[in-house]
N, C-alpha and C. Protein backbone atom coordinates (compact mmCIF):
# COMPACT_ATOMS: atom_id res chain seq x y z
N THR A 1 103.85 94.55 100.39
CA THR A 1 103.60 95.73 100.32
C THR A 1 102.32 96.09 99.30
N SER A 2 101.84 97.48 99.18
CA SER A 2 101.02 97.51 98.32
C SER A 2 101.67 98.42 96.87
N THR A 3 100.91 98.54 95.89
CA THR A 3 101.75 98.90 94.87
C THR A 3 102.10 100.50 94.84
N ASN A 4 101.54 101.18 95.92
CA ASN A 4 101.95 102.66 96.00
C ASN A 4 103.34 102.83 96.90
N GLU A 5 103.57 101.60 97.40
CA GLU A 5 105.12 101.67 98.24
C GLU A 5 105.88 101.34 97.97
N ALA A 6 107.30 101.80 98.27
CA ALA A 6 108.19 101.14 97.49
C ALA A 6 108.55 100.01 97.68
N PRO A 7 109.55 99.11 96.94
CA PRO A 7 109.96 97.98 96.81
C PRO A 7 110.39 97.58 98.59
N ASN A 8 110.79 98.15 99.03
CA ASN A 8 111.96 97.86 100.39
C ASN A 8 111.34 98.28 101.46
N ALA A 9 109.95 98.88 101.38
CA ALA A 9 109.07 99.22 102.51
C ALA A 9 108.85 98.04 103.47
N PRO A 10 108.88 98.78 104.53
CA PRO A 10 108.99 97.50 105.75
C PRO A 10 107.51 96.76 105.99
N ILE A 11 107.62 95.84 106.15
CA ILE A 11 106.65 94.87 106.40
C ILE A 11 105.36 94.93 107.12
N ILE A 12 105.76 96.07 108.50
CA ILE A 12 105.18 96.61 109.28
C ILE A 12 105.58 97.75 109.80
N PRO A 13 104.85 99.25 109.85
CA PRO A 13 105.47 100.46 110.52
C PRO A 13 106.47 100.23 111.63
N LYS A 14 107.22 101.26 111.57
CA LYS A 14 108.13 100.98 112.66
C LYS A 14 107.44 101.60 113.95
N ARG A 15 106.78 102.56 114.05
CA ARG A 15 106.66 102.23 115.24
C ARG A 15 105.50 101.41 115.60
N LEU A 16 104.87 100.45 115.23
CA LEU A 16 104.02 99.02 115.36
C LEU A 16 105.02 97.99 115.67
N TRP A 17 105.93 97.92 115.33
CA TRP A 17 107.63 96.82 115.65
C TRP A 17 108.10 97.51 117.07
N ALA A 18 108.14 98.91 117.04
CA ALA A 18 108.64 99.61 118.22
C ALA A 18 107.87 99.17 119.74
N ALA A 19 106.70 98.78 119.53
CA ALA A 19 105.89 98.91 120.32
C ALA A 19 105.45 97.39 120.68
N LEU A 20 105.55 96.54 119.58
CA LEU A 20 105.58 94.97 119.85
C LEU A 20 106.79 94.60 120.66
N VAL A 21 108.08 95.07 120.24
CA VAL A 21 108.84 94.60 120.65
C VAL A 21 109.14 95.37 122.13
N THR A 22 108.70 96.56 122.60
CA THR A 22 108.61 96.92 123.75
C THR A 22 107.97 96.01 125.02
N HIS A 23 107.35 95.21 124.07
CA HIS A 23 105.91 94.35 125.14
C HIS A 23 106.03 93.19 124.81
N SER A 24 107.62 93.04 124.51
CA SER A 24 107.86 91.13 124.43
C SER A 24 109.06 91.28 124.38
N SER A 25 109.30 89.71 124.64
CA SER A 25 111.24 89.30 125.07
C SER A 25 111.96 89.84 124.01
N VAL A 26 111.58 89.95 122.58
CA VAL A 26 112.47 90.41 121.25
C VAL A 26 112.84 92.00 121.38
N SER A 27 114.65 91.69 120.90
CA SER A 27 114.93 93.04 121.46
C SER A 27 114.83 93.93 120.43
N PRO A 28 114.84 95.30 120.65
CA PRO A 28 114.44 96.25 120.03
C PRO A 28 115.42 96.12 118.61
N ASP A 29 116.46 96.11 118.67
CA ASP A 29 117.69 96.20 117.48
C ASP A 29 117.34 94.73 116.62
N LEU A 30 116.46 93.99 116.74
CA LEU A 30 116.05 93.06 116.03
C LEU A 30 115.32 93.86 114.53
N LEU A 31 115.81 93.10 113.46
CA LEU A 31 114.95 93.64 112.31
C LEU A 31 114.26 92.81 111.85
N TRP A 32 112.99 93.24 111.40
CA TRP A 32 111.55 92.21 110.95
C TRP A 32 112.74 91.11 110.36
N GLY A 33 113.45 91.46 109.45
CA GLY A 33 113.86 90.42 107.96
C GLY A 33 114.58 89.59 108.97
N ASP A 34 115.09 89.48 109.97
CA ASP A 34 116.00 88.70 110.56
C ASP A 34 115.39 88.03 111.95
N ALA A 35 114.23 88.16 111.99
CA ALA A 35 113.09 87.57 112.86
C ALA A 35 112.74 86.33 112.76
N SER A 36 112.96 84.82 113.69
CA SER A 36 112.72 83.68 113.06
C SER A 36 111.29 83.70 112.97
N LYS A 37 111.30 82.32 112.56
CA LYS A 37 109.61 81.84 112.72
C LYS A 37 109.18 82.00 114.16
N ALA A 38 110.07 81.35 115.28
CA ALA A 38 109.54 81.20 116.57
C ALA A 38 109.37 82.29 117.05
N ILE A 39 110.38 83.80 116.83
CA ILE A 39 110.24 85.25 117.12
C ILE A 39 109.08 85.87 116.43
N ILE A 40 108.59 85.63 115.55
CA ILE A 40 106.94 86.19 114.75
C ILE A 40 106.42 85.24 115.80
N ARG A 41 106.38 84.07 115.40
CA ARG A 41 104.77 83.50 116.56
C ARG A 41 105.12 83.81 118.00
N SER A 42 105.99 84.24 118.27
CA SER A 42 105.92 85.34 119.68
C SER A 42 105.27 86.13 119.76
N LEU A 43 105.67 87.25 118.67
CA LEU A 43 105.13 87.99 118.67
C LEU A 43 103.68 88.14 118.60
N ALA A 44 103.18 87.24 117.36
CA ALA A 44 101.81 87.27 117.08
C ALA A 44 100.87 86.92 118.12
N ASN A 45 101.16 86.09 118.96
CA ASN A 45 100.88 85.49 120.44
C ASN A 45 100.45 86.64 121.37
N SER A 46 101.89 87.81 121.62
CA SER A 46 101.88 88.83 122.42
C SER A 46 100.53 89.73 121.99
N LEU A 47 100.66 89.76 120.49
CA LEU A 47 99.76 90.71 120.45
C LEU A 47 98.28 90.25 120.37
N ALA A 48 97.81 88.97 119.73
CA ALA A 48 96.81 88.43 120.26
C ALA A 48 95.89 88.66 121.46
N SER A 49 97.19 88.68 122.41
CA SER A 49 96.60 88.60 123.72
C SER A 49 97.01 89.97 124.66
N PHE A 50 97.38 90.86 123.94
CA PHE A 50 97.40 92.39 124.22
C PHE A 50 96.14 93.18 124.92
N PRO A 51 95.87 93.17 126.46
CA PRO A 51 94.90 93.84 126.12
C PRO A 51 94.25 95.17 125.86
N LEU A 52 93.26 95.56 125.01
CA LEU A 52 93.07 96.85 124.75
C LEU A 52 92.05 97.31 125.36
N GLN A 53 91.60 98.23 126.03
CA GLN A 53 90.14 98.80 126.36
C GLN A 53 89.52 99.80 125.49
N THR A 54 88.00 99.81 125.32
CA THR A 54 87.62 100.06 124.34
C THR A 54 86.42 101.51 124.92
N THR A 55 87.04 102.77 124.62
CA THR A 55 86.76 103.67 125.32
C THR A 55 85.93 104.72 124.55
N GLY A 56 85.38 104.40 123.74
CA GLY A 56 83.98 105.14 123.05
C GLY A 56 84.14 104.62 121.64
N PHE A 57 83.00 105.59 120.73
CA PHE A 57 83.07 105.34 119.16
C PHE A 57 84.05 106.93 118.60
N SER A 58 84.06 106.15 117.38
CA SER A 58 84.95 107.34 116.70
C SER A 58 84.36 108.32 115.62
N SER A 59 84.75 109.17 115.47
CA SER A 59 84.01 110.59 115.22
C SER A 59 83.70 110.03 113.47
N PHE A 60 84.27 108.88 113.17
CA PHE A 60 83.69 108.68 111.43
C PHE A 60 83.11 107.59 111.56
N LYS A 61 82.47 107.01 112.35
CA LYS A 61 81.85 105.60 112.38
C LYS A 61 82.54 104.75 111.62
N GLU A 62 83.80 104.08 111.47
CA GLU A 62 84.14 103.48 110.92
C GLU A 62 83.84 101.96 111.75
N GLU A 63 83.27 102.08 112.72
CA GLU A 63 82.84 100.51 113.72
C GLU A 63 81.77 100.27 113.35
N PHE A 64 80.90 100.50 112.06
CA PHE A 64 79.71 100.35 111.71
C PHE A 64 79.78 99.80 110.71
N VAL A 65 81.10 100.07 109.86
CA VAL A 65 81.00 99.27 108.78
C VAL A 65 81.35 97.78 108.59
N THR A 66 80.44 97.09 107.57
CA THR A 66 80.48 95.75 107.28
C THR A 66 81.09 95.41 106.18
N ALA A 67 81.62 94.06 106.05
CA ALA A 67 82.31 93.57 104.98
C ALA A 67 81.73 92.50 104.38
N GLY A 68 80.15 92.16 104.62
CA GLY A 68 79.75 90.98 104.46
C GLY A 68 79.21 91.10 102.97
N GLY A 69 78.95 92.29 102.53
CA GLY A 69 78.36 92.37 100.98
C GLY A 69 76.45 91.97 101.15
N VAL A 70 76.18 92.53 101.92
CA VAL A 70 74.67 92.08 102.41
C VAL A 70 74.44 93.90 102.27
N PHE A 71 73.34 94.37 101.55
CA PHE A 71 72.95 95.88 101.36
C PHE A 71 71.67 95.59 102.55
N LEU A 72 72.05 96.86 103.30
CA LEU A 72 70.59 97.05 104.25
C LEU A 72 69.31 97.23 104.06
N LYS A 73 68.97 97.09 102.65
CA LYS A 73 67.80 97.57 102.15
C LYS A 73 67.34 96.13 102.09
N GLU A 74 68.13 94.98 102.00
CA GLU A 74 67.63 93.78 101.81
C GLU A 74 67.18 93.14 103.15
N VAL A 75 67.82 93.93 104.64
CA VAL A 75 67.06 93.20 105.70
C VAL A 75 66.44 94.14 106.57
N GLN A 76 65.14 92.98 107.24
CA GLN A 76 64.20 93.51 108.00
C GLN A 76 64.77 94.06 109.22
N LEU A 77 65.24 95.11 109.62
CA LEU A 77 65.76 95.52 110.91
C LEU A 77 65.08 95.25 111.98
N THR A 78 64.10 95.10 112.01
CA THR A 78 63.35 94.57 113.31
C THR A 78 63.59 92.95 113.74
N ASN A 79 63.91 92.31 112.76
CA ASN A 79 64.06 90.80 113.04
C ASN A 79 64.94 90.44 112.55
N MET A 80 66.38 91.08 111.73
CA MET A 80 67.41 90.91 111.19
C MET A 80 67.05 90.32 110.35
N GLU A 81 66.06 89.83 109.78
CA GLU A 81 65.88 88.63 108.43
C GLU A 81 66.31 89.33 106.96
């Protein structure tokens, strides 16, 4: 949890948990804290293999944000050097 969250805040949002268990063999009544390592691994595999279709760009252009720490002024865009 982040410092802005309550100490007992869930590790993942309730709606995400509900979607994960809906698309897996996990009981929707299972609490995250009661999930075994095998169940968590199964959920991770289900999440990683879940097909998502890209339908377009967002209006905020988040998809163009990089996390590499390279200033664009240092890159020659014609040859990407």
